[in-house]
């Protein structure tokens, strides 16, 4: 599975690992992804999403149905 948040679209980025002697080698910064199950009361079903911690906070703030509706408008299949 891809390491991409389904709500925010966050994905791995690249950067440098810098040693004590200032030697730089490439590395990847991975997003903090969690698999969460939510109950979507409006449709009476469970939804499993792969979310970043920022997306979990967004769902807590705006509500699950608002976030799912926004994702569907963007073309995601839920």
PDB file of N, CA and C in Angstrom:
ATOM      1  N   UNK A   1       0.828  -1.184   0.000  1.00  0.00           N
ATOM      2  CA  UNK A   1       0.000   0.000   0.000  1.00  0.00           C
ATOM      3  C   UNK A   1       0.872   1.247   0.000  1.00  0.00           C
ATOM      4  N   UNK A   2       0.370   2.274  -0.629  1.00  0.00           N
ATOM      5  CA  UNK A   2       1.122   3.521  -0.706  1.00  0.00           C
ATOM      6  C   UNK A   2       1.071   4.244   0.634  1.00  0.00           C
ATOM      7  N   UNK A   3       2.128   4.955   0.929  1.00  0.00           N
ATOM      8  CA  UNK A   3       2.179   5.735   2.164  1.00  0.00           C
ATOM      9  C   UNK A   3       1.636   7.133   1.898  1.00  0.00           C
ATOM     10  N   UNK A   4       0.333   7.221   1.650  1.00  0.00           N
ATOM     11  CA  UNK A   4      -0.313   8.493   1.329  1.00  0.00           C
ATOM     12  C   UNK A   4      -1.558   8.627   2.185  1.00  0.00           C
ATOM     13  N   UNK A   5      -1.750   9.804   2.786  1.00  0.00           N
ATOM     14  CA  UNK A   5      -2.947  10.089   3.570  1.00  0.00           C
ATOM     15  C   UNK A   5      -4.118  10.291   2.617  1.00  0.00           C
ATOM     16  N   UNK A   6      -5.259   9.660   2.919  1.00  0.00           N
ATOM     17  CA  UNK A   6      -6.412   9.743   2.036  1.00  0.00           C
ATOM     18  C   UNK A   6      -7.116  11.097   2.124  1.00  0.00           C
ATOM     19  N   UNK A   7      -6.942  11.826   3.204  1.00  0.00           N
ATOM     20  CA  UNK A   7      -7.617  13.119   3.370  1.00  0.00           C
ATOM     21  C   UNK A   7      -6.725  14.267   2.930  1.00  0.00           C
ATOM     22  N   UNK A   8      -5.526  14.343   3.471  1.00  0.00           N
ATOM     23  CA  UNK A   8      -4.657  15.491   3.191  1.00  0.00           C
ATOM     24  C   UNK A   8      -3.741  15.275   2.001  1.00  0.00           C
ATOM     25  N   UNK A   9      -3.513  14.013   1.605  1.00  0.00           N
ATOM     26  CA  UNK A   9      -2.623  13.739   0.492  1.00  0.00           C
ATOM     27  C   UNK A   9      -1.152  13.774   0.853  1.00  0.00           C
ATOM     28  N   UNK A  10      -0.860  13.805   2.154  1.00  0.00           N
ATOM     29  CA  UNK A  10       0.544  13.808   2.583  1.00  0.00           C
ATOM     30  C   UNK A  10       1.218  12.517   2.148  1.00  0.00           C
ATOM     31  N   UNK A  11       2.463  12.631   1.672  1.00  0.00           N
ATOM     32  CA  UNK A  11       3.226  11.468   1.244  1.00  0.00           C
ATOM     33  C   UNK A  11       4.681  11.664   1.630  1.00  0.00           C
ATOM     34  N   UNK A  12       5.522  10.639   1.474  1.00  0.00           N
ATOM     35  CA  UNK A  12       6.926  10.776   1.864  1.00  0.00           C
ATOM     36  C   UNK A  12       7.635  11.877   1.074  1.00  0.00           C
ATOM     37  N   UNK A  13       8.526  12.580   1.757  1.00  0.00           N
ATOM     38  CA  UNK A  13       9.365  13.575   1.099  1.00  0.00           C
ATOM     39  C   UNK A  13      10.817  13.195   1.326  1.00  0.00           C
ATOM     40  N   UNK A  14      11.705  13.756   0.513  1.00  0.00           N
ATOM     41  CA  UNK A  14      13.124  13.425   0.651  1.00  0.00           C
ATOM     42  C   UNK A  14      13.871  14.600   1.249  1.00  0.00           C
ATOM     43  N   UNK A  15      14.991  14.274   1.835  1.00  0.00           N
ATOM     44  CA  UNK A  15      15.856  15.276   2.429  1.00  0.00           C
ATOM     45  C   UNK A  15      17.220  14.665   2.672  1.00  0.00           C
ATOM     46  N   UNK A  16      18.005  15.320   3.473  1.00  0.00           N
ATOM     47  CA  UNK A  16      19.346  14.847   3.761  1.00  0.00           C
ATOM     48  C   UNK A  16      19.481  14.417   5.206  1.00  0.00           C
ATOM     49  N   UNK A  17      20.185  13.296   5.392  1.00  0.00           N
ATOM     50  CA  UNK A  17      20.635  12.911   6.721  1.00  0.00           C
ATOM     51  C   UNK A  17      22.000  13.560   6.872  1.00  0.00           C
ATOM     52  N   UNK A  18      22.184  14.350   7.911  1.00  0.00           N
ATOM     53  CA  UNK A  18      23.437  15.089   8.085  1.00  0.00           C
ATOM     54  C   UNK A  18      24.175  14.509   9.280  1.00  0.00           C
ATOM     55  N   UNK A  19      25.372  14.011   9.025  1.00  0.00           N
ATOM     56  CA  UNK A  19      26.170  13.411  10.092  1.00  0.00           C
ATOM     57  C   UNK A  19      26.873  14.500  10.909  1.00  0.00           C
ATOM     58  N   UNK A  20      27.533  14.059  11.950  1.00  0.00           N
ATOM     59  CA  UNK A  20      28.274  14.997  12.804  1.00  0.00           C
ATOM     60  C   UNK A  20      29.372  15.701  12.010  1.00  0.00           C
ATOM     61  N   UNK A  21      29.953  15.010  11.032  1.00  0.00           N
ATOM     62  CA  UNK A  21      31.010  15.626  10.210  1.00  0.00           C
ATOM     63  C   UNK A  21      30.425  16.367   9.004  1.00  0.00           C
ATOM     64  N   UNK A  22      29.108  16.571   8.996  1.00  0.00           N
ATOM     65  CA  UNK A  22      28.397  17.348   7.978  1.00  0.00           C
ATOM     66  C   UNK A  22      28.352  16.657   6.605  1.00  0.00           C
ATOM     67  N   UNK A  23      28.471  15.314   6.595  1.00  0.00           N
ATOM     68  CA  UNK A  23      28.311  14.563   5.356  1.00  0.00           C
ATOM     69  C   UNK A  23      26.819  14.342   5.139  1.00  0.00           C
ATOM     70  N   UNK A  24      26.363  14.610   3.928  1.00  0.00           N
ATOM     71  CA  UNK A  24      24.937  14.515   3.639  1.00  0.00           C
ATOM     72  C   UNK A  24      24.641  13.290   2.771  1.00  0.00           C
ATOM     73  N   UNK A  25      23.673  12.493   3.212  1.00  0.00           N
ATOM     74  CA  UNK A  25      23.195  11.367   2.427  1.00  0.00           C
ATOM     75  C   UNK A  25      21.672  11.460   2.356  1.00  0.00           C
ATOM     76  N   UNK A  26      21.119  10.981   1.245  1.00  0.00           N
ATOM     77  CA  UNK A  26      19.675  11.090   1.040  1.00  0.00           C
ATOM     78  C   UNK A  26      18.907  10.187   2.004  1.00  0.00           C
ATOM     79  N   UNK A  27      17.737  10.658   2.429  1.00  0.00           N
ATOM     80  CA  UNK A  27      16.855   9.877   3.284  1.00  0.00           C
ATOM     81  C   UNK A  27      15.420  10.254   2.968  1.00  0.00           C
ATOM     82  N   UNK A  28      14.460   9.499   3.514  1.00  0.00           N
ATOM     83  CA  UNK A  28      13.033   9.779   3.324  1.00  0.00           C
ATOM     84  C   UNK A  28      12.403  10.148   4.654  1.00  0.00           C
ATOM     85  N   UNK A  29      11.529  11.146   4.622  1.00  0.00           N
ATOM     86  CA  UNK A  29      10.722  11.508   5.773  1.00  0.00           C
ATOM     87  C   UNK A  29       9.320  10.955   5.522  1.00  0.00           C
ATOM     88  N   UNK A  30       8.872   9.998   6.341  1.00  0.00           N
ATOM     89  CA  UNK A  30       7.575   9.363   6.148  1.00  0.00           C
ATOM     90  C   UNK A  30       6.509  10.083   6.974  1.00  0.00           C
ATOM     91  N   UNK A  31       5.299  10.215   6.434  1.00  0.00           N
ATOM     92  CA  UNK A  31       4.223  10.838   7.215  1.00  0.00           C
ATOM     93  C   UNK A  31       3.762   9.901   8.326  1.00  0.00           C
ATOM     94  N   UNK A  32       3.199  10.486   9.361  1.00  0.00           N
ATOM     95  CA  UNK A  32       2.702   9.711  10.500  1.00  0.00           C
ATOM     96  C   UNK A  32       1.313   9.183  10.160  1.00  0.00           C
ATOM     97  N   UNK A  33       1.261   8.006   9.507  1.00  0.00           N
ATOM     98  CA  UNK A  33      -0.009   7.448   9.049  1.00  0.00           C
ATOM     99  C   UNK A  33      -0.554   6.427  10.038  1.00  0.00           C
ATOM    100  N   UNK A  34      -1.860   6.482  10.230  1.00  0.00           N
ATOM    101  CA  UNK A  34      -2.574   5.554  11.093  1.00  0.00           C
ATOM    102  C   UNK A  34      -3.768   5.007  10.312  1.00  0.00           C
ATOM    103  N   UNK A  35      -4.100   3.743  10.526  1.00  0.00           N
ATOM    104  CA  UNK A  35      -5.308   3.174   9.937  1.00  0.00           C
ATOM    105  C   UNK A  35      -6.417   3.283  10.973  1.00  0.00           C
ATOM    106  N   UNK A  36      -7.499   3.981  10.606  1.00  0.00           N
ATOM    107  CA  UNK A  36      -8.594   4.226  11.546  1.00  0.00           C
ATOM    108  C   UNK A  36      -9.912   3.752  10.945  1.00  0.00           C
ATOM    109  N   UNK A  37     -10.770   3.197  11.790  1.00  0.00           N
ATOM    110  CA  UNK A  37     -12.129   2.826  11.391  1.00  0.00           C
ATOM    111  C   UNK A  37     -13.089   3.805  12.037  1.00  0.00           C
ATOM    112  N   UNK A  38     -13.968   4.375  11.215  1.00  0.00           N
ATOM    113  CA  UNK A  38     -14.985   5.297  11.704  1.00  0.00           C
ATOM    114  C   UNK A  38     -16.354   4.765  11.309  1.00  0.00           C
ATOM    115  N   UNK A  39     -17.363   5.061  12.129  1.00  0.00           N
ATOM    116  CA  UNK A  39     -18.739   4.716  11.775  1.00  0.00           C
ATOM    117  C   UNK A  39     -19.387   5.939  11.163  1.00  0.00           C
ATOM    118  N   UNK A  40     -19.797   5.809   9.909  1.00  0.00           N
ATOM    119  CA  UNK A  40     -20.451   6.899   9.180  1.00  0.00           C
ATOM    120  C   UNK A  40     -21.952   6.754   9.404  1.00  0.00           C
ATOM    121  N   UNK A  41     -22.493   7.515  10.375  1.00  0.00           N
ATOM    122  CA  UNK A  41     -23.878   7.352  10.812  1.00  0.00           C
ATOM    123  C   UNK A  41     -24.871   7.698   9.705  1.00  0.00           C
ATOM    124  N   UNK A  42     -24.541   8.678   8.869  1.00  0.00           N
ATOM    125  CA  UNK A  42     -25.470   9.103   7.813  1.00  0.00           C
ATOM    126  C   UNK A  42     -25.730   7.989   6.792  1.00  0.00           C
ATOM    127  N   UNK A  43     -24.734   7.122   6.583  1.00  0.00           N
ATOM    128  CA  UNK A  43     -24.888   6.018   5.631  1.00  0.00           C
ATOM    129  C   UNK A  43     -24.986   4.666   6.324  1.00  0.00           C
ATOM    130  N   UNK A  44     -24.925   4.671   7.652  1.00  0.00           N
ATOM    131  CA  UNK A  44     -25.048   3.477   8.476  1.00  0.00           C
ATOM    132  C   UNK A  44     -24.037   2.398   8.077  1.00  0.00           C
ATOM    133  N   UNK A  45     -22.745   2.802   7.967  1.00  0.00           N
ATOM    134  CA  UNK A  45     -21.701   1.837   7.630  1.00  0.00           C
ATOM    135  C   UNK A  45     -20.365   2.271   8.232  1.00  0.00           C
ATOM    136  N   UNK A  46     -19.441   1.305   8.320  1.00  0.00           N
ATOM    137  CA  UNK A  46     -18.091   1.559   8.814  1.00  0.00           C
ATOM    138  C   UNK A  46     -17.193   1.907   7.632  1.00  0.00           C
ATOM    139  N   UNK A  47     -16.269   2.850   7.860  1.00  0.00           N
ATOM    140  CA  UNK A  47     -15.304   3.248   6.830  1.00  0.00           C
ATOM    141  C   UNK A  47     -13.917   3.122   7.425  1.00  0.00           C
ATOM    142  N   UNK A  48     -13.007   2.498   6.681  1.00  0.00           N
ATOM    143  CA  UNK A  48     -11.613   2.390   7.103  1.00  0.00           C
ATOM    144  C   UNK A  48     -10.787   3.339   6.257  1.00  0.00           C
ATOM    145  N   UNK A  49     -10.038   4.210   6.924  1.00  0.00           N
ATOM    146  CA  UNK A  49      -9.235   5.219   6.237  1.00  0.00           C
ATOM    147  C   UNK A  49      -7.800   5.158   6.718  1.00  0.00           C
ATOM    148  N   UNK A  50      -6.867   5.460   5.821  1.00  0.00           N
ATOM    149  CA  UNK A  50      -5.463   5.595   6.187  1.00  0.00           C
ATOM    150  C   UNK A  50      -5.192   7.085   6.308  1.00  0.00           C
ATOM    151  N   UNK A  51      -4.968   7.552   7.530  1.00  0.00           N
ATOM    152  CA  UNK A  51      -4.932   8.981   7.815  1.00  0.00           C
ATOM    153  C   UNK A  51      -3.632   9.404   8.477  1.00  0.00           C
ATOM    154  N   UNK A  52      -3.235  10.638   8.201  1.00  0.00           N
ATOM    155  CA  UNK A  52      -2.145  11.239   8.958  1.00  0.00           C
ATOM    156  C   UNK A  52      -2.729  11.776  10.260  1.00  0.00           C
ATOM    157  N   UNK A  53      -1.877  12.079  11.213  1.00  0.00           N
ATOM    158  CA  UNK A  53      -2.359  12.589  12.488  1.00  0.00           C
ATOM    159  C   UNK A  53      -3.055  13.936  12.299  1.00  0.00           C
ATOM    160  N   UNK A  54      -2.621  14.713  11.321  1.00  0.00           N
ATOM    161  CA  UNK A  54      -3.286  15.990  11.024  1.00  0.00           C
ATOM    162  C   UNK A  54      -4.705  15.759  10.515  1.00  0.00           C
ATOM    163  N   UNK A  55      -4.896  14.733   9.703  1.00  0.00           N
ATOM    164  CA  UNK A  55      -6.225  14.425   9.171  1.00  0.00           C
ATOM    165  C   UNK A  55      -7.164  13.950  10.271  1.00  0.00           C
ATOM    166  N   UNK A  56      -6.652  13.215  11.257  1.00  0.00           N
ATOM    167  CA  UNK A  56      -7.467  12.778  12.390  1.00  0.00           C
ATOM    168  C   UNK A  56      -7.968  13.998  13.161  1.00  0.00           C
ATOM    169  N   UNK A  57      -7.102  14.981  13.331  1.00  0.00           N
ATOM    170  CA  UNK A  57      -7.504  16.226  14.007  1.00  0.00           C
ATOM    171  C   UNK A  57      -8.542  16.980  13.184  1.00  0.00           C
ATOM    172  N   UNK A  58      -8.404  16.968  11.862  1.00  0.00           N
ATOM    173  CA  UNK A  58      -9.370  17.626  10.986  1.00  0.00           C
ATOM    174  C   UNK A  58     -10.740  16.968  11.107  1.00  0.00           C
ATOM    175  N   UNK A  59     -10.768  15.640  11.161  1.00  0.00           N
ATOM    176  CA  UNK A  59     -12.036  14.921  11.316  1.00  0.00           C
ATOM    177  C   UNK A  59     -12.662  15.232  12.672  1.00  0.00           C
ATOM    178  N   UNK A  60     -11.853  15.317  13.712  1.00  0.00           N
ATOM    179  CA  UNK A  60     -12.372  15.657  15.035  1.00  0.00           C
ATOM    180  C   UNK A  60     -12.971  17.063  15.043  1.00  0.00           C
ATOM    181  N   UNK A  61     -12.378  17.973  14.285  1.00  0.00           N
ATOM    182  CA  UNK A  61     -12.831  19.369  14.275  1.00  0.00           C
ATOM    183  C   UNK A  61     -14.063  19.549  13.389  1.00  0.00           C
ATOM    184  N   UNK A  62     -14.023  19.052  12.150  1.00  0.00           N
ATOM    185  CA  UNK A  62     -15.077  19.319  11.170  1.00  0.00           C
ATOM    186  C   UNK A  62     -16.160  18.256  11.125  1.00  0.00           C
ATOM    187  N   UNK A  63     -15.887  17.080  11.629  1.00  0.00           N
ATOM    188  CA  UNK A  63     -16.844  15.974  11.565  1.00  0.00           C
ATOM    189  C   UNK A  63     -16.526  15.064  10.395  1.00  0.00           C
ATOM    190  N   UNK A  64     -16.818  13.788  10.572  1.00  0.00           N
ATOM    191  CA  UNK A  64     -16.486  12.781   9.561  1.00  0.00           C
ATOM    192  C   UNK A  64     -17.267  12.988   8.277  1.00  0.00           C
ATOM    193  N   UNK A  65     -18.568  13.270   8.386  1.00  0.00           N
ATOM    194  CA  UNK A  65     -19.395  13.373   7.184  1.00  0.00           C
ATOM    195  C   UNK A  65     -18.957  14.538   6.304  1.00  0.00           C
ATOM    196  N   UNK A  66     -18.573  15.658   6.909  1.00  0.00           N
ATOM    197  CA  UNK A  66     -18.109  16.819   6.130  1.00  0.00           C
ATOM    198  C   UNK A  66     -16.824  16.495   5.392  1.00  0.00           C
ATOM    199  N   UNK A  67     -15.911  15.777   6.036  1.00  0.00           N
ATOM    200  CA  UNK A  67     -14.640  15.419   5.413  1.00  0.00           C
ATOM    201  C   UNK A  67     -14.861  14.414   4.283  1.00  0.00           C
ATOM    202  N   UNK A  68     -15.736  13.427   4.502  1.00  0.00           N
ATOM    203  CA  UNK A  68     -16.019  12.426   3.471  1.00  0.00           C
ATOM    204  C   UNK A  68     -16.690  13.087   2.266  1.00  0.00           C
ATOM    205  N   UNK A  69     -17.604  14.010   2.525  1.00  0.00           N
ATOM    206  CA  UNK A  69     -18.281  14.713   1.434  1.00  0.00           C
ATOM    207  C   UNK A  69     -17.281  15.518   0.608  1.00  0.00           C
ATOM    208  N   UNK A  70     -16.326  16.151   1.273  1.00  0.00           N
ATOM    209  CA  UNK A  70     -15.281  16.912   0.592  1.00  0.00           C
ATOM    210  C   UNK A  70     -14.370  15.989  -0.229  1.00  0.00           C
ATOM    211  N   UNK A  71     -14.046  14.805   0.318  1.00  0.00           N
ATOM    212  CA  UNK A  71     -13.207  13.844  -0.395  1.00  0.00           C
ATOM    213  C   UNK A  71     -13.914  13.333  -1.649  1.00  0.00           C
ATOM    214  N   UNK A  72     -15.222  13.054  -1.532  1.00  0.00           N
ATOM    215  CA  UNK A  72     -15.988  12.583  -2.687  1.00  0.00           C
ATOM    216  C   UNK A  72     -16.079  13.656  -3.770  1.00  0.00           C
ATOM    217  N   UNK A  73     -16.186  14.911  -3.363  1.00  0.00           N
ATOM    218  CA  UNK A  73     -16.238  16.000  -4.336  1.00  0.00           C
ATOM    219  C   UNK A  73     -14.923  16.102  -5.094  1.00  0.00           C
ATOM    220  N   UNK A  74     -13.826  15.730  -4.433  1.00  0.00           N
ATOM    221  CA  UNK A  74     -12.517  15.752  -5.083  1.00  0.00           C
ATOM    222  C   UNK A  74     -12.282  14.518  -5.948  1.00  0.00           C
ATOM    223  N   UNK A  75     -13.187  13.538  -5.877  1.00  0.00           N
ATOM    224  CA  UNK A  75     -13.089  12.370  -6.740  1.00  0.00           C
ATOM    225  C   UNK A  75     -12.635  11.086  -6.074  1.00  0.00           C
ATOM    226  N   UNK A  76     -12.472  11.078  -4.751  1.00  0.00           N
ATOM    227  CA  UNK A  76     -12.048   9.872  -4.044  1.00  0.00           C
ATOM    228  C   UNK A  76     -13.226   8.929  -3.855  1.00  0.00           C
ATOM    229  N   UNK A  77     -12.956   7.618  -3.921  1.00  0.00           N
ATOM    230  CA  UNK A  77     -14.010   6.625  -3.719  1.00  0.00           C
ATOM    231  C   UNK A  77     -13.972   6.162  -2.276  1.00  0.00           C
ATOM    232  N   UNK A  78     -15.051   6.366  -1.558  1.00  0.00           N
ATOM    233  CA  UNK A  78     -15.140   5.970  -0.148  1.00  0.00           C
ATOM    234  C   UNK A  78     -16.222   4.913  -0.002  1.00  0.00           C
TER     235      UNK A  78
END
